[in-house]
Amino acid sequence: MSFALSEVALERQAAVRRFVDTELIPFEVEAELNDGEIPAEALKRHKAMAQELGLPRFDVPAEHGGLALPILDQVAAIEPVGRVTNGLGWCYPEAQGWMFEACSPAQIEALIKPMMRGECYFAYAITEEGAGSDVDDIVATARRDGDHYVLDGEKWHVTSANLADVLLVQAKFAGGPADGAHGLFFVDARAPGITTVRTPAYTHTYRHHHPILRFEGVRVPVANLIGGREGAGMAFTYAWFRRERLMIAARCCGAMERLIEEATAFAKGRIIGGVPIAERQLVQAMLADSVVDLHTSRMVTWEAAAAHDRGLDLKSLHARCSIAKLVASEAAGRVADRAVQIFAGRGYMRENVAERFLRELRVDRIWEGTSEIQRLIIAGGLLKRGLAGTIGAGG
């Protein structure tokens, strides 16, 4: 199968890579040694440049001022963002296509369009202490009270909550005709009743924190329900999962590319016994295996993106995105480990890109659905729709 990108798509991909390589990567070590923080003027410039590149508008319909790019073009352009460590690529909010289907005109004007302009930042509050990859295990509740819902519960790993203006909170309806069904709500991040239980330290060094938030009697206007009806929440969560899994795979490809480049350059210049280690066959084997991991992951990810553009049915797309995330996230971990080995002692220094990626890429096998959950989704697709219905017909 061919994945031909247009000249415009290739130019966009190259522009994003230039932005990452010349603007973001130079701040990695400073961010690593300063709790993820970089100078305010640099962050402001990065946000402005991301806007100029259109990154927040890639998936937005044209009628709402977006670029409405094919998913394949989006994946190709997002891949270079994975080249940078320390969350520096998270310098822009992203409006996603499903939001314009799920949200009311008022919600789009008040929340989604400001996010497109970089004026509003979201954080997803879905995971709970006893509910991770299986979202149906959540116990947070939403009870109707007149023209409001009252939210109660506790959410874990609320990524970027410390920087967010709005939380997307998932809860189950308590009472009413949709009792037990899922709902998604826009919630003001500063609403009364929201408290930070604690902010755990994580393996990576990001300015984006992942606190545990408690919701106690948080009143949310009925107008803030996403989807316009009770019980529609899971459909939008699945749409979010599909996109996030695909983009995680794309960023993993970008990370692998950077690691291979850096490890190869080092191996060419590192002399032992009068010979560059790049000439040693065991080092060559590690580099070769890493190239195979990258190429395989990229092809699987790009195929899943192309399947979106072909209009494949949602259940099959769900499996394709799971395959892409599983393949790319597992491969990226292997590539990072090999890169550390090639750098040897240097690869264990925090100033080294391989050390940082070894820590940062590990979470890609966990968030937005663990590798084990992806395997269950893929196997479920196989058992229900057969091999052709899961990965397409051969031949």
Protein backbone atom coordinates (compact mmCIF):
# COMPACT_ATOMS: atom_id res chain seq x y z
CA MET A 1 0.00 0.00 0.00
CA SER A 2 1.34 3.43 -0.94
CA PHE A 3 1.40 6.37 1.43
CA ALA A 4 2.18 9.21 -0.94
CA LEU A 5 2.19 12.63 0.70
CA SER A 6 1.45 15.72 -1.34
CA GLU A 7 4.07 18.43 -1.76
CA VAL A 8 2.06 20.62 0.59
CA ALA A 9 2.01 17.87 3.24
CA LEU A 10 5.76 17.31 2.90
CA GLU A 11 6.40 21.05 3.24
CA ARG A 12 4.21 21.18 6.34
CA GLN A 13 6.02 18.22 7.87
CA ALA A 14 9.38 19.86 7.16
CA ALA A 15 8.20 23.13 8.71
CA VAL A 16 7.12 21.38 11.92
CA ARG A 17 10.45 19.57 12.06
CA ARG A 18 12.37 22.86 11.67
CA PHE A 19 10.31 24.33 14.50
CA VAL A 20 11.03 21.38 16.76
CA ASP A 21 14.72 21.10 15.93
CA THR A 22 15.62 24.80 16.00
CA GLU A 23 13.21 26.16 18.63
CA LEU A 24 12.24 23.39 21.05
CA ILE A 25 15.15 20.96 21.23
CA PRO A 26 17.69 23.63 22.32
CA PHE A 27 15.70 24.05 25.58
CA GLU A 28 15.56 20.36 26.54
CA VAL A 29 18.41 20.30 29.04
CA GLU A 30 17.34 23.58 30.64
CA ALA A 31 13.84 22.18 31.08
CA GLU A 32 15.22 18.91 32.46
CA LEU A 33 17.20 20.72 35.15
CA ASN A 34 14.44 23.21 36.05
CA ASP A 35 11.31 21.11 36.67
CA GLY A 36 10.26 21.39 33.04
CA GLU A 37 10.30 25.19 33.00
CA ILE A 38 11.93 27.34 30.33
CA PRO A 39 12.10 31.16 30.07
CA ALA A 40 8.68 32.76 29.73
CA GLU A 41 9.64 34.64 26.59
CA ALA A 42 10.75 31.39 24.92
CA LEU A 43 7.49 29.64 25.84
CA LYS A 44 5.49 32.58 24.51
CA ARG A 45 7.42 32.44 21.23
CA HIS A 46 6.89 28.68 20.95
CA LYS A 47 3.15 29.07 21.44
CA ALA A 48 2.98 31.78 18.79
CA MET A 49 4.98 29.72 16.31
CA ALA A 50 2.78 26.67 16.88
CA GLN A 51 -0.22 28.85 16.06
CA GLU A 52 1.46 30.10 12.88
CA LEU A 53 2.09 26.51 11.82
CA GLY A 54 -1.60 25.75 12.35
CA LEU A 55 -0.95 22.90 14.80
CA PRO A 56 -4.08 23.56 16.92
CA ARG A 57 -6.26 23.60 13.77
CA PHE A 58 -5.10 20.51 11.87
CA ASP A 59 -8.24 18.50 12.68
CA VAL A 60 -10.74 21.38 12.69
CA PRO A 61 -13.42 21.58 9.96
CA ALA A 62 -12.87 24.35 7.43
CA GLU A 63 -16.20 25.99 8.24
CA HIS A 64 -14.90 26.67 11.72
CA GLY A 65 -11.61 28.14 10.56
CA GLY A 66 -9.63 24.92 10.58
CA LEU A 67 -7.29 23.26 8.11
CA ALA A 68 -9.33 20.03 7.91
CA LEU A 69 -6.24 18.05 6.95
CA PRO A 70 -6.45 14.39 5.93
CA ILE A 71 -5.53 12.21 8.91
CA LEU A 72 -2.49 10.89 7.05
CA ASP A 73 -1.21 14.44 6.61
CA GLN A 74 -1.84 15.14 10.29
CA VAL A 75 0.08 12.05 11.41
CA ALA A 76 3.01 12.93 9.15
CA ALA A 77 3.11 16.50 10.47
CA ILE A 78 2.71 15.53 14.14
CA GLU A 79 5.45 12.89 13.99
CA PRO A 80 8.31 15.44 14.30
CA VAL A 81 6.79 16.76 17.55
CA GLY A 82 7.84 13.43 19.07
CA ARG A 83 11.49 14.34 18.47
CA VAL A 84 11.62 16.64 21.52
CA THR A 85 11.73 15.65 25.20
CA ASN A 86 10.47 17.26 28.42
CA GLY A 87 6.97 17.95 27.13
CA LEU A 88 8.22 20.96 25.16
CA GLY A 89 6.08 19.81 22.25
CA TRP A 90 3.01 20.43 24.39
CA CYS A 91 3.18 24.15 23.65
CA TYR A 92 -0.21 24.31 21.96
CA PRO A 93 -3.77 23.10 22.64
CA GLU A 94 -5.41 20.90 20.03
CA ALA A 95 -9.01 21.14 18.89
CA GLN A 96 -10.16 17.73 17.67
CA GLY A 97 -12.67 17.04 14.94
CA TRP A 98 -15.06 15.07 17.14
CA MET A 99 -15.57 18.15 19.31
CA PHE A 100 -17.37 19.92 16.47
CA GLU A 101 -19.78 17.01 16.20
CA ALA A 102 -20.33 16.63 19.93
CA CYS A 103 -20.43 20.24 21.11
CA SER A 104 -23.26 22.74 20.82
CA PRO A 105 -22.78 25.96 18.83
CA ALA A 106 -22.52 27.84 22.13
CA GLN A 107 -19.83 25.46 23.42
CA ILE A 108 -17.87 25.76 20.19
CA GLU A 109 -17.89 29.56 20.37
CA ALA A 110 -17.18 29.81 24.10
CA LEU A 111 -14.61 27.02 24.49
CA ILE A 112 -13.42 25.23 21.35
CA LYS A 113 -12.60 28.24 19.21
CA PRO A 114 -10.70 29.97 22.04
CA MET A 115 -8.72 26.74 22.38
CA MET A 116 -7.91 26.90 18.66
CA ARG A 117 -6.53 30.38 19.24
CA GLY A 118 -4.42 29.29 22.20
CA GLU A 119 -6.57 31.25 24.65
CA CYS A 120 -8.02 28.26 26.51
CA TYR A 121 -6.40 25.02 27.69
CA PHE A 122 -8.16 21.76 28.49
CA ALA A 123 -7.32 18.83 30.76
CA TYR A 124 -9.06 15.45 30.69
CA ALA A 125 -10.33 14.14 34.04
CA ILE A 126 -11.32 10.56 33.26
CA THR A 127 -9.05 8.09 35.08
CA GLU A 128 -9.75 7.12 38.68
CA GLU A 129 -7.90 5.15 41.35
CA GLY A 130 -9.87 2.03 40.46
CA ALA A 131 -10.55 2.81 36.80
CA GLY A 132 -7.76 3.16 34.28
CA SER A 133 -7.77 1.62 30.83
CA ASP A 134 -11.30 0.26 31.40
CA VAL A 135 -13.21 3.53 31.61
CA ASP A 136 -16.46 1.77 32.44
CA ASP A 137 -15.11 1.15 35.96
CA ILE A 138 -15.36 4.84 36.93
CA VAL A 139 -17.49 5.64 39.99
CA ALA A 140 -17.65 9.45 39.77
CA THR A 141 -21.29 10.54 39.55
CA ALA A 142 -23.34 13.29 37.95
CA ARG A 143 -26.72 13.96 39.55
CA ARG A 144 -29.28 16.27 37.92
CA ASP A 145 -30.42 19.14 40.13
CA GLY A 146 -32.61 21.58 38.27
CA ASP A 147 -30.59 23.39 35.62
CA HIS A 148 -27.30 21.96 36.95
CA TYR A 149 -25.56 18.65 37.39
CA VAL A 150 -23.77 17.95 40.66
CA LEU A 151 -20.47 16.10 40.25
CA ASP A 152 -18.86 13.96 42.95
CA GLY A 153 -15.78 11.78 42.70
CA GLU A 154 -12.01 11.69 42.49
CA LYS A 155 -9.88 11.72 39.34
CA TRP A 156 -6.27 10.60 38.99
CA HIS A 157 -3.53 11.52 36.51
CA VAL A 158 -5.32 14.67 35.32
CA THR A 159 -2.61 15.65 32.87
CA SER A 160 -2.01 19.41 32.52
CA ALA A 161 -4.56 20.25 35.22
CA ASN A 162 -2.15 22.78 36.72
CA LEU A 163 -2.26 24.75 33.45
CA ALA A 164 -5.88 24.14 32.44
CA ASP A 165 -8.76 26.58 32.23
CA VAL A 166 -11.34 23.87 31.57
CA LEU A 167 -11.62 20.24 32.64
CA LEU A 168 -13.37 17.57 30.57
CA VAL A 169 -14.83 15.38 33.29
CA GLN A 170 -16.33 11.95 32.74
CA ALA A 171 -18.91 10.67 35.21
CA LYS A 172 -21.82 8.25 35.40
CA PHE A 173 -25.34 9.58 35.74
CA ALA A 174 -26.92 8.90 39.12
CA GLY A 175 -30.68 8.60 38.76
CA GLY A 176 -32.91 9.55 35.85
CA PRO A 177 -33.50 7.71 32.58
CA ALA A 178 -29.76 7.44 31.82
CA ASP A 179 -28.84 6.09 35.26
CA GLY A 180 -25.42 4.42 35.09
CA ALA A 181 -24.62 5.74 31.62
CA HIS A 182 -21.61 7.94 30.92
CA GLY A 183 -21.53 11.69 30.50
CA LEU A 184 -18.81 14.18 29.58
CA PHE A 185 -18.89 17.69 31.00
CA PHE A 186 -17.03 20.94 30.54
CA VAL A 187 -16.10 22.12 34.03
CA ASP A 188 -14.41 25.36 35.00
CA ALA A 189 -11.06 24.29 36.45
CA ARG A 190 -11.55 26.79 39.31
CA ALA A 191 -15.13 25.82 40.14
CA PRO A 192 -16.04 25.61 43.85
CA GLY A 193 -15.79 22.05 45.16
CA ILE A 194 -12.69 21.08 43.16
CA THR A 195 -9.65 20.46 45.34
CA THR A 196 -6.21 19.09 44.63
CA VAL A 197 -5.64 16.03 46.79
CA ARG A 198 -1.96 15.93 45.88
CA THR A 199 0.39 16.32 42.94
CA PRO A 200 2.62 13.22 42.71
CA ALA A 201 6.08 13.39 41.19
CA TYR A 202 6.37 11.44 37.94
CA THR A 203 9.22 9.83 36.04
CA HIS A 204 9.46 12.59 33.46
CA THR A 205 10.31 16.26 33.97
CA TYR A 206 7.40 18.27 32.53
CA ARG A 207 5.86 21.60 33.47
CA HIS A 208 2.54 19.79 32.90
CA HIS A 209 1.59 18.09 36.16
CA HIS A 210 -0.77 15.15 36.75
CA PRO A 211 -2.58 15.87 40.03
CA ILE A 212 -5.30 13.92 41.80
CA LEU A 213 -8.45 16.05 41.89
CA ARG A 214 -11.46 15.66 44.17
CA PHE A 215 -14.93 16.81 43.08
CA GLU A 216 -17.35 17.43 45.94
CA GLY A 217 -20.74 18.85 45.05
CA VAL A 218 -19.36 20.63 41.99
CA ARG A 219 -22.26 22.34 40.23
CA VAL A 220 -22.07 22.31 36.44
CA PRO A 221 -24.68 23.98 34.20
CA VAL A 222 -26.74 21.57 32.11
CA ALA A 223 -25.52 23.53 29.08
CA ASN A 224 -22.03 22.16 29.79
CA LEU A 225 -23.04 18.57 29.04
CA ILE A 226 -21.16 17.41 25.94
CA GLY A 227 -23.26 15.74 23.27
CA GLY A 228 -26.60 17.30 24.09
CA ARG A 229 -28.10 14.24 25.76
CA GLU A 230 -27.39 12.00 28.72
CA GLY A 231 -25.63 8.74 27.96
CA ALA A 232 -23.63 9.89 24.91
CA GLY A 233 -20.33 10.31 26.74
CA MET A 234 -18.62 7.02 25.89
CA ALA A 235 -18.94 7.56 22.12
CA PHE A 236 -16.93 10.76 22.40
CA THR A 237 -14.40 9.18 24.74
CA TYR A 238 -13.82 6.46 22.15
CA ALA A 239 -13.31 9.13 19.47
CA TRP A 240 -10.77 10.82 21.73
CA PHE A 241 -9.02 7.49 22.39
CA ARG A 242 -8.77 6.71 18.68
CA ARG A 243 -7.10 10.02 17.93
CA GLU A 244 -4.83 10.02 20.97
CA ARG A 245 -3.63 6.48 20.30
CA LEU A 246 -2.85 7.32 16.70
CA MET A 247 -0.99 10.49 17.62
CA ILE A 248 0.95 8.71 20.37
CA ALA A 249 2.09 6.26 17.70
CA ALA A 250 3.12 9.14 15.44
CA ARG A 251 5.10 10.87 18.18
CA CYS A 252 6.79 7.58 19.07
CA CYS A 253 7.99 7.40 15.47
CA GLY A 254 9.43 10.89 15.81
CA ALA A 255 11.21 9.89 19.01
CA MET A 256 12.68 6.79 17.38
CA GLU A 257 13.94 8.84 14.45
CA ARG A 258 15.70 11.29 16.79
CA LEU A 259 17.23 8.48 18.85
CA ILE A 260 18.55 6.66 15.79
CA GLU A 261 20.08 9.86 14.43
CA GLU A 262 21.73 10.73 17.73
CA ALA A 263 23.00 7.21 18.41
CA THR A 264 24.33 6.84 14.88
CA ALA A 265 26.22 10.14 15.04
CA PHE A 266 27.72 9.17 18.39
CA ALA A 267 28.70 5.71 17.17
CA LYS A 268 30.51 7.19 14.19
CA GLY A 269 32.55 9.49 16.39
CA ARG A 270 33.19 7.25 19.40
CA ILE A 271 36.59 5.61 18.91
CA ILE A 272 37.57 2.52 20.87
CA GLY A 273 40.73 0.64 20.02
CA GLY A 274 41.31 2.99 17.12
CA VAL A 275 38.01 2.09 15.46
CA PRO A 276 34.61 3.87 15.57
CA ILE A 277 32.12 1.71 17.43
CA ALA A 278 29.82 2.13 14.42
CA GLU A 279 32.08 -0.41 12.70
CA ARG A 280 31.48 -3.00 15.41
CA GLN A 281 28.90 -5.52 14.29
CA LEU A 282 27.05 -5.69 17.60
CA VAL A 283 26.52 -1.92 17.51
CA GLN A 284 25.46 -2.16 13.88
CA ALA A 285 22.92 -4.82 14.87
CA MET A 286 21.38 -2.48 17.46
CA LEU A 287 21.16 0.32 14.92
CA ALA A 288 19.70 -2.00 12.28
CA ASP A 289 17.07 -3.36 14.66
CA SER A 290 16.15 0.22 15.58
CA VAL A 291 15.71 1.18 11.92
CA VAL A 292 13.44 -1.84 11.42
CA ASP A 293 11.40 -0.85 14.49
CA LEU A 294 10.97 2.69 13.20
CA HIS A 295 10.09 1.70 9.64
CA THR A 296 7.59 -0.93 10.78
CA SER A 297 5.96 1.45 13.25
CA ARG A 298 5.72 4.24 10.72
CA MET A 299 4.10 2.03 8.10
CA VAL A 300 1.54 0.66 10.57
CA THR A 301 0.76 4.16 11.86
CA TRP A 302 0.45 5.67 8.42
CA GLU A 303 -1.77 2.80 7.28
CA ALA A 304 -4.11 3.41 10.21
CA ALA A 305 -4.24 7.09 9.28
CA ALA A 306 -4.94 6.26 5.64
CA ALA A 307 -7.74 3.93 6.79
CA HIS A 308 -9.39 6.92 8.50
CA ASP A 309 -9.18 8.86 5.25
CA ARG A 310 -10.68 5.92 3.33
CA GLY A 311 -13.69 5.99 5.64
CA LEU A 312 -13.19 2.62 7.30
CA ASP A 313 -15.91 1.77 9.83
CA LEU A 314 -15.33 2.95 13.40
CA LYS A 315 -14.91 -0.49 14.98
CA SER A 316 -12.20 -1.43 12.51
CA LEU A 317 -10.54 1.97 12.99
CA HIS A 318 -10.54 1.39 16.73
CA ALA A 319 -8.52 -1.80 16.17
CA ARG A 320 -6.16 -0.10 13.69
CA CYS A 321 -5.38 2.65 16.19
CA SER A 322 -4.75 0.06 18.89
CA ILE A 323 -2.37 -1.79 16.58
CA ALA A 324 -0.50 1.42 15.78
CA LYS A 325 -0.15 2.44 19.43
CA LEU A 326 0.89 -1.04 20.50
CA VAL A 327 3.50 -1.48 17.78
CA ALA A 328 4.98 2.02 17.98
CA SER A 329 5.04 2.42 21.76
CA GLU A 330 6.64 -0.98 22.32
CA ALA A 331 9.16 -0.34 19.54
CA ALA A 332 10.06 3.10 20.89
CA GLY A 333 10.92 1.57 24.25
CA ARG A 334 13.27 -0.89 22.57
CA VAL A 335 14.93 1.84 20.50
CA ALA A 336 15.46 4.04 23.56
CA ASP A 337 17.01 1.14 25.47
CA ARG A 338 19.40 0.38 22.61
CA ALA A 339 20.36 4.04 22.31
CA VAL A 340 21.27 4.17 26.00
CA GLN A 341 23.41 1.07 25.48
CA ILE A 342 25.22 2.63 22.52
CA PHE A 343 25.90 5.82 24.46
CA ALA A 344 27.01 3.64 27.39
CA GLY A 345 27.82 5.74 30.48
CA ARG A 346 26.85 8.92 28.67
CA GLY A 347 23.45 7.41 28.02
CA TYR A 348 22.79 7.37 31.75
CA MET A 349 23.27 11.13 32.11
CA ARG A 350 20.17 13.31 32.32
CA GLU A 351 21.71 15.69 29.80
CA ASN A 352 21.60 12.89 27.23
CA VAL A 353 18.55 12.58 24.98
CA ALA A 354 18.53 8.77 25.25
CA GLU A 355 18.29 8.90 29.05
CA ARG A 356 15.34 11.28 28.90
CA PHE A 357 13.52 9.30 26.24
CA LEU A 358 14.09 6.07 28.15
CA ARG A 359 12.03 7.60 30.97
CA GLU A 360 9.52 9.53 28.90
CA LEU A 361 8.57 6.90 26.34
CA ARG A 362 7.70 4.35 29.02
CA VAL A 363 4.34 5.96 29.69
CA ASP A 364 3.25 5.50 26.07
CA ARG A 365 2.71 1.83 26.89
CA ILE A 366 0.34 2.88 29.69
CA TRP A 367 -1.72 6.00 29.08
CA GLU A 368 -4.67 6.12 26.69
CA GLY A 369 -4.92 2.37 27.21
CA THR A 370 -2.14 -0.01 28.26
CA SER A 371 -0.44 -2.34 25.80
CA GLU A 372 -2.45 -5.16 27.37
CA ILE A 373 -5.72 -3.35 26.68
CA GLN A 374 -4.64 -2.75 23.07
CA ARG A 375 -4.04 -6.47 22.71
CA LEU A 376 -7.51 -7.23 24.03
CA ILE A 377 -9.06 -4.74 21.60
CA ILE A 378 -7.16 -6.29 18.69
CA ALA A 379 -8.09 -9.83 19.73
CA GLY A 380 -11.71 -8.78 20.20
CA GLY A 381 -11.77 -7.39 16.67
CA LEU A 382 -10.29 -10.60 15.31
CA LEU A 383 -12.87 -12.79 17.06
CA LYS A 384 -15.81 -10.58 16.04
CA ARG A 385 -14.85 -9.47 12.52
CA GLY A 386 -12.16 -11.90 11.43
CA LEU A 387 -8.68 -11.11 10.19
CA ALA A 388 -9.80 -9.16 7.13
CA GLY A 389 -12.16 -7.09 9.25
CA THR A 390 -9.33 -6.26 11.64
CA ILE A 391 -6.36 -5.51 9.37
CA GLY A 392 -7.87 -5.66 5.89
CA ALA A 393 -7.72 -8.29 3.18
CA GLY A 394 -4.34 -9.48 1.95
CA GLY A 395 -3.19 -10.01 -1.56
